[in-house]
């Protein structure tokens, strides 16, 4: 992928989510949508028009949102519960734990506009702790798609899986990744580039930046392995061990440096294949600013990833 690809042909993954959900609903009457006054931000206007009786708007009440989803699942429906990731996860965390994960309810939680997509709205609207909250929950599958294609595949897979799922859906413009053999499977990492000097492990909107970073590193004679670890739970430990075999790992995520992708990888590396690591992400509460500015300010760019890899290999990590 070239640098040009990061500025042309950009997509909003929410469109892929909404279109896929509508298509699934056409063939499966059990599928319903539950929202918290977020029809527009979830891009479900088309779903509401086509299936008005199958879209439930509970208003701005996230705990009720999740509870209604659990009730619908207990009644045999397959509810897709959508809301801004920052509020869906934070305000309804107890309901997600007790009503969804512990109860193994067949609910699909869709965290919209995750990460720092709401940049200018500040820390109250940034969702950079959600993965740390949800990843440890037993029974809950956690997926962070990288582009529109993977978002659509994740939604299809979530609908087919009998159990609770959280899908983190960005609204940040992102390019479609080039894949030689497109294939999505829950719990399986995707190797987008082979390399033996260092491994770059990313998910979500950071994957294409990792690919651009790998190209820059290759021009310096450094061959980087690029791994798209879109499923955090269950975790593809084999892919992490293979990455560790390169001798150095850089993880990069649109999330806090604590408890997300980097934490998941570190748990495997520390106990089974120790090697130098660098975890790129956000250090804590962030200032107000555009999403792109926040990403650049914290080194979550292709240049930042490449510099982290060079530093790690030079023993400065």
Protein backbone atom coordinates (compact mmCIF):
# COMPACT_ATOMS: atom_id res chain seq x y z
CA UNK A 1 0.00 0.00 0.00
CA UNK A 2 1.34 3.40 -0.89
CA UNK A 3 1.05 6.67 1.03
CA UNK A 4 -1.38 7.80 -1.66
CA UNK A 5 -3.73 5.04 -0.66
CA UNK A 6 -4.12 6.65 2.74
CA UNK A 7 -5.56 9.83 1.24
CA UNK A 8 -7.65 8.49 -1.61
CA UNK A 9 -10.54 6.08 -1.72
CA UNK A 10 -11.48 6.46 1.92
CA UNK A 11 -14.51 4.76 3.45
CA UNK A 12 -16.66 5.02 6.54
CA UNK A 13 -16.96 1.59 8.15
CA UNK A 14 -20.38 2.51 9.52
CA UNK A 15 -21.72 2.28 5.97
CA UNK A 16 -20.47 -1.29 5.68
CA UNK A 17 -22.07 -2.09 9.03
CA UNK A 18 -25.47 -0.63 8.10
CA UNK A 19 -25.56 -2.17 4.62
CA UNK A 20 -24.57 -5.59 5.89
CA UNK A 21 -27.08 -5.54 8.73
CA UNK A 22 -29.88 -4.60 6.33
CA UNK A 23 -28.93 -7.42 3.96
CA UNK A 24 -28.84 -9.92 6.83
CA UNK A 25 -32.23 -8.75 8.06
CA UNK A 26 -33.74 -9.36 4.61
CA UNK A 27 -33.03 -13.08 4.96
CA UNK A 28 -33.36 -13.58 8.73
CA UNK A 29 -36.47 -12.24 10.51
CA UNK A 30 -34.81 -12.78 13.90
CA UNK A 31 -32.45 -9.87 13.31
CA UNK A 32 -33.50 -6.64 15.01
CA UNK A 33 -31.75 -3.34 15.67
CA UNK A 34 -31.73 -1.61 19.05
CA UNK A 35 -30.41 1.93 19.34
CA UNK A 36 -30.13 4.71 21.91
CA UNK A 37 -31.34 7.67 19.88
CA UNK A 38 -28.50 6.92 17.49
CA UNK A 39 -30.24 5.92 14.27
CA UNK A 40 -28.36 8.58 12.33
CA UNK A 41 -24.93 8.07 13.82
CA UNK A 42 -25.32 4.32 13.40
CA UNK A 43 -26.45 4.95 9.80
CA UNK A 44 -29.54 2.82 10.30
CA UNK A 45 -32.05 5.10 8.57
CA UNK A 46 -32.33 2.59 5.73
CA UNK A 47 -32.97 -0.22 8.20
CA UNK A 48 -35.68 1.82 9.94
CA UNK A 49 -37.36 2.59 6.63
CA UNK A 50 -37.31 -1.05 5.49
CA UNK A 51 -38.10 -2.66 8.85
CA UNK A 52 -39.70 -0.03 11.10
CA UNK A 53 -41.17 -2.71 13.34
CA UNK A 54 -37.73 -4.27 13.85
CA UNK A 55 -35.89 -1.18 15.01
CA UNK A 56 -36.28 -0.25 18.68
CA UNK A 57 -35.13 3.15 19.89
CA UNK A 58 -34.88 3.24 23.68
CA UNK A 59 -33.71 6.85 23.80
CA UNK A 60 -30.59 8.04 25.57
CA UNK A 61 -30.53 5.18 28.09
CA UNK A 62 -27.57 2.87 27.53
CA UNK A 63 -28.28 0.54 30.44
CA UNK A 64 -31.81 0.04 29.15
CA UNK A 65 -30.40 -0.36 25.66
CA UNK A 66 -28.33 -3.36 26.68
CA UNK A 67 -31.08 -4.78 28.89
CA UNK A 68 -33.60 -4.64 26.05
CA UNK A 69 -31.07 -6.38 23.82
CA UNK A 70 -30.68 -9.16 26.37
CA UNK A 71 -34.43 -9.56 26.64
CA UNK A 72 -34.85 -9.78 22.89
CA UNK A 73 -32.12 -12.42 22.72
CA UNK A 74 -33.84 -14.44 25.43
CA UNK A 75 -36.95 -14.31 23.25
CA UNK A 76 -35.14 -15.81 20.27
CA UNK A 77 -34.19 -12.64 18.40
CA UNK A 78 -30.70 -11.67 17.24
CA UNK A 79 -30.40 -8.06 18.40
CA UNK A 80 -27.70 -5.75 17.07
CA UNK A 81 -27.35 -3.14 19.79
CA UNK A 82 -25.77 0.04 18.46
CA UNK A 83 -24.55 3.15 20.20
CA UNK A 84 -21.56 5.43 20.50
CA UNK A 85 -18.78 3.20 21.80
CA UNK A 86 -17.87 5.59 24.59
CA UNK A 87 -21.38 5.47 26.10
CA UNK A 88 -22.39 1.93 25.15
CA UNK A 89 -19.41 0.45 26.97
CA UNK A 90 -18.90 2.88 29.87
CA UNK A 91 -22.46 3.58 30.93
CA UNK A 92 -23.72 0.02 30.50
CA UNK A 93 -20.66 -1.92 31.61
CA UNK A 94 -22.47 -3.74 34.42
CA UNK A 95 -25.31 -4.75 32.07
CA UNK A 96 -22.80 -5.93 29.47
CA UNK A 97 -21.10 -8.05 32.12
CA UNK A 98 -24.17 -9.52 33.85
CA UNK A 99 -26.90 -9.50 31.19
CA UNK A 100 -24.78 -10.24 28.13
CA UNK A 101 -21.41 -11.88 28.86
CA UNK A 102 -22.21 -13.81 32.05
CA UNK A 103 -25.59 -14.85 30.68
CA UNK A 104 -24.16 -15.76 27.27
CA UNK A 105 -26.96 -13.76 25.66
CA UNK A 106 -26.95 -13.86 21.88
CA UNK A 107 -26.52 -10.08 21.60
CA UNK A 108 -24.27 -8.26 19.14
CA UNK A 109 -22.94 -5.04 20.65
CA UNK A 110 -21.79 -2.55 18.04
CA UNK A 111 -19.65 0.27 19.40
CA UNK A 112 -19.96 3.07 16.87
CA UNK A 113 -17.46 5.91 16.39
CA UNK A 114 -14.88 4.25 18.59
CA UNK A 115 -11.41 5.45 19.54
CA UNK A 116 -10.86 9.17 19.07
CA UNK A 117 -13.29 9.62 16.18
CA UNK A 118 -15.15 12.23 18.25
CA UNK A 119 -11.87 14.13 18.61
CA UNK A 120 -13.06 17.69 19.17
CA UNK A 121 -15.72 16.59 21.65
CA UNK A 122 -13.00 15.71 24.12
CA UNK A 123 -12.22 12.91 26.58
CA UNK A 124 -15.87 12.31 27.54
CA UNK A 125 -16.51 11.17 23.97
CA UNK A 126 -13.22 9.36 23.34
CA UNK A 127 -13.57 5.61 23.57
CA UNK A 128 -10.02 4.53 24.30
CA UNK A 129 -10.64 2.30 27.32
CA UNK A 130 -13.43 0.13 25.92
CA UNK A 131 -11.25 -2.80 24.90
CA UNK A 132 -9.57 -2.91 28.31
CA UNK A 133 -13.00 -3.12 29.92
CA UNK A 134 -14.43 -5.77 27.61
CA UNK A 135 -11.46 -7.93 26.68
CA UNK A 136 -11.26 -9.76 30.05
CA UNK A 137 -14.96 -10.69 30.05
CA UNK A 138 -15.45 -14.39 29.58
CA UNK A 139 -17.81 -15.51 26.81
CA UNK A 140 -17.62 -12.16 24.99
CA UNK A 141 -16.06 -12.18 21.53
CA UNK A 142 -14.30 -8.87 20.77
CA UNK A 143 -13.59 -7.79 17.18
CA UNK A 144 -11.90 -4.62 15.87
CA UNK A 145 -12.29 -4.58 12.05
CA UNK A 146 -9.70 -2.78 9.96
CA UNK A 147 -11.67 -1.59 6.94
CA UNK A 148 -15.11 -1.75 5.28
CA UNK A 149 -14.67 -5.29 3.96
CA UNK A 150 -13.63 -6.67 7.32
CA UNK A 151 -16.41 -4.75 9.05
CA UNK A 152 -18.96 -6.43 6.79
CA UNK A 153 -17.40 -9.85 7.35
CA UNK A 154 -17.31 -9.30 11.11
CA UNK A 155 -21.01 -8.42 11.17
CA UNK A 156 -21.84 -11.54 9.14
CA UNK A 157 -19.73 -13.70 11.45
CA UNK A 158 -21.28 -12.12 14.53
CA UNK A 159 -24.77 -12.87 13.25
CA UNK A 160 -23.82 -16.49 12.60
CA UNK A 161 -22.20 -16.99 16.00
CA UNK A 162 -24.50 -18.15 18.79
CA UNK A 163 -23.20 -15.95 21.59
CA UNK A 164 -22.34 -12.40 22.64
CA UNK A 165 -20.09 -10.30 20.42
CA UNK A 166 -18.69 -6.77 20.59
CA UNK A 167 -17.72 -5.18 17.27
CA UNK A 168 -15.80 -1.90 17.41
CA UNK A 169 -16.76 0.22 14.40
CA UNK A 170 -14.83 3.36 13.49
CA UNK A 171 -16.14 6.42 11.73
CA UNK A 172 -12.66 7.63 10.80
CA UNK A 173 -12.16 7.57 7.01
CA UNK A 174 -10.01 4.58 6.12
CA UNK A 175 -8.92 2.93 2.87
CA UNK A 176 -9.89 -0.58 1.86
CA UNK A 177 -6.93 -2.89 2.42
CA UNK A 178 -5.55 -4.89 -0.48
CA UNK A 179 -5.81 -8.60 0.21
CA UNK A 180 -4.51 -11.40 -1.97
CA UNK A 181 -6.88 -13.95 -0.47
CA UNK A 182 -9.66 -12.24 1.47
CA UNK A 183 -10.86 -14.45 4.31
CA UNK A 184 -12.21 -13.54 7.72
CA UNK A 185 -12.56 -15.95 10.60
CA UNK A 186 -13.25 -15.05 14.21
CA UNK A 187 -10.16 -15.78 16.29
CA UNK A 188 -7.74 -15.87 13.36
CA UNK A 189 -5.17 -13.18 12.68
CA UNK A 190 -4.48 -12.03 9.14
CA UNK A 191 -0.90 -11.92 7.90
CA UNK A 192 -0.82 -9.01 5.47
CA UNK A 193 2.91 -8.93 4.92
CA UNK A 194 5.70 -11.36 5.70
CA UNK A 195 8.98 -10.24 7.22
CA UNK A 196 11.69 -11.52 9.53
CA UNK A 197 13.22 -8.42 11.15
CA UNK A 198 10.32 -7.07 13.20
CA UNK A 199 6.57 -7.62 13.52
CA UNK A 200 4.02 -4.83 13.40
CA UNK A 201 0.75 -5.95 15.01
CA UNK A 202 -2.25 -3.66 14.60
CA UNK A 203 -6.02 -3.63 14.41
CA UNK A 204 -8.77 -1.24 13.40
CA UNK A 205 -7.86 1.88 11.49
CA UNK A 206 -4.21 1.45 12.42
CA UNK A 207 -3.67 -1.53 10.14
CA UNK A 208 -3.24 0.43 6.94
CA UNK A 209 -0.79 2.76 8.70
CA UNK A 210 1.23 -0.28 9.77
CA UNK A 211 1.36 -1.41 6.15
CA UNK A 212 2.61 1.98 5.02
CA UNK A 213 5.20 1.89 7.82
CA UNK A 214 6.37 -1.54 6.62
CA UNK A 215 6.95 -0.12 3.15
CA UNK A 216 9.07 2.67 4.62
CA UNK A 217 11.05 0.18 6.68
CA UNK A 218 11.62 -1.98 3.60
CA UNK A 219 13.29 0.98 1.90
CA UNK A 220 15.77 0.92 4.80
CA UNK A 221 16.37 -2.80 4.33
CA UNK A 222 14.14 -3.78 7.27
CA UNK A 223 11.56 -6.42 6.44
CA UNK A 224 8.54 -6.09 8.73
CA UNK A 225 5.84 -8.67 9.25
CA UNK A 226 2.41 -7.03 9.42
CA UNK A 227 -0.31 -8.78 11.39
CA UNK A 228 -3.93 -7.68 11.51
CA UNK A 229 -5.11 -8.93 14.90
CA UNK A 230 -8.73 -7.95 14.52
CA UNK A 231 -10.08 -10.48 17.00
CA UNK A 232 -8.91 -9.74 20.53
CA UNK A 233 -11.08 -12.41 22.13
CA UNK A 234 -10.53 -15.25 21.38
CA UNK A 235 -6.89 -14.41 20.73
CA UNK A 236 -4.81 -16.02 17.99
CA UNK A 237 -1.82 -16.85 20.17
CA UNK A 238 -0.11 -18.80 17.37
CA UNK A 239 0.08 -15.65 15.26
CA UNK A 240 1.62 -13.77 18.18
CA UNK A 241 4.21 -16.47 18.76
CA UNK A 242 5.11 -16.39 15.06
CA UNK A 243 5.46 -12.61 15.31
CA UNK A 244 7.68 -12.98 18.36
CA UNK A 245 9.96 -15.23 16.32
CA UNK A 246 11.09 -12.14 14.39
CA UNK A 247 12.71 -10.97 17.65
CA UNK A 248 10.87 -7.65 18.04
CA UNK A 249 7.23 -6.56 18.12
CA UNK A 250 5.58 -3.17 17.78
CA UNK A 251 1.85 -3.05 18.52
CA UNK A 252 -0.25 -0.10 17.44
CA UNK A 253 -3.84 0.64 18.33
CA UNK A 254 -6.35 3.49 18.53
CA UNK A 255 -6.79 2.79 22.24
CA UNK A 256 -5.04 3.27 25.54
CA UNK A 257 -1.63 1.63 25.82
CA UNK A 258 -3.03 -0.24 28.81
CA UNK A 259 -5.28 -3.24 28.44
CA UNK A 260 -5.98 -3.31 24.72
CA UNK A 261 -4.18 -4.91 21.79
CA UNK A 262 -0.73 -4.25 23.23
CA UNK A 263 -1.72 -5.71 26.57
CA UNK A 264 -3.14 -8.82 24.94
CA UNK A 265 0.02 -9.38 22.91
CA UNK A 266 2.26 -8.67 25.93
CA UNK A 267 0.46 -11.30 28.01
CA UNK A 268 1.39 -13.94 25.45
CA UNK A 269 4.91 -12.66 24.79
CA UNK A 270 5.84 -12.33 28.47
CA UNK A 271 4.80 -15.84 29.35
CA UNK A 272 5.62 -17.83 26.23
CA UNK A 273 8.08 -16.02 23.95
CA UNK A 274 9.82 -13.04 25.57
CA UNK A 275 11.13 -10.47 23.10
CA UNK A 276 11.48 -6.67 23.02
CA UNK A 277 8.16 -4.92 22.53
CA UNK A 278 6.91 -1.40 22.00
CA UNK A 279 3.23 -0.59 22.59
CA UNK A 280 1.92 2.40 20.64
CA UNK A 281 -1.38 3.97 21.65
CA UNK A 282 -2.73 6.73 23.87
CA UNK A 283 -1.19 7.37 27.31
CA UNK A 284 -4.34 8.50 29.12
CA UNK A 285 -6.98 11.21 28.92
CA UNK A 286 -6.40 13.24 25.79
CA UNK A 287 -6.70 16.93 24.97
CA UNK A 288 -9.38 18.26 22.67
CA UNK A 289 -8.46 18.17 19.01
CA UNK A 290 -9.29 16.53 15.74
CA UNK A 291 -8.88 12.78 15.50
CA UNK A 292 -6.07 13.12 12.99
CA UNK A 293 -4.25 15.64 15.20
CA UNK A 294 -4.55 13.36 18.22
CA UNK A 295 -3.21 10.43 16.23
CA UNK A 296 -0.28 12.43 14.90
CA UNK A 297 0.46 14.02 18.28
CA UNK A 298 0.85 10.55 19.82
CA UNK A 299 2.86 9.00 17.03
CA UNK A 300 0.04 6.89 15.64
CA UNK A 301 1.11 7.50 12.06
CA UNK A 302 3.04 5.45 9.54
CA UNK A 303 6.13 7.52 10.33
CA UNK A 304 5.62 7.06 14.04
CA UNK A 305 5.27 3.30 13.69
CA UNK A 306 8.37 3.07 11.50
CA UNK A 307 10.37 5.18 13.96
CA UNK A 308 9.27 2.98 16.85
CA UNK A 309 10.38 -0.11 14.95
CA UNK A 310 13.75 1.40 14.10
CA UNK A 311 14.25 2.44 17.72
CA UNK A 312 13.33 -1.00 18.98
CA UNK A 313 15.76 -2.66 16.61
CA UNK A 314 18.47 -0.20 17.62
CA UNK A 315 17.93 -1.05 21.27
CA UNK A 316 16.28 2.25 22.09
CA UNK A 317 12.75 0.89 22.49
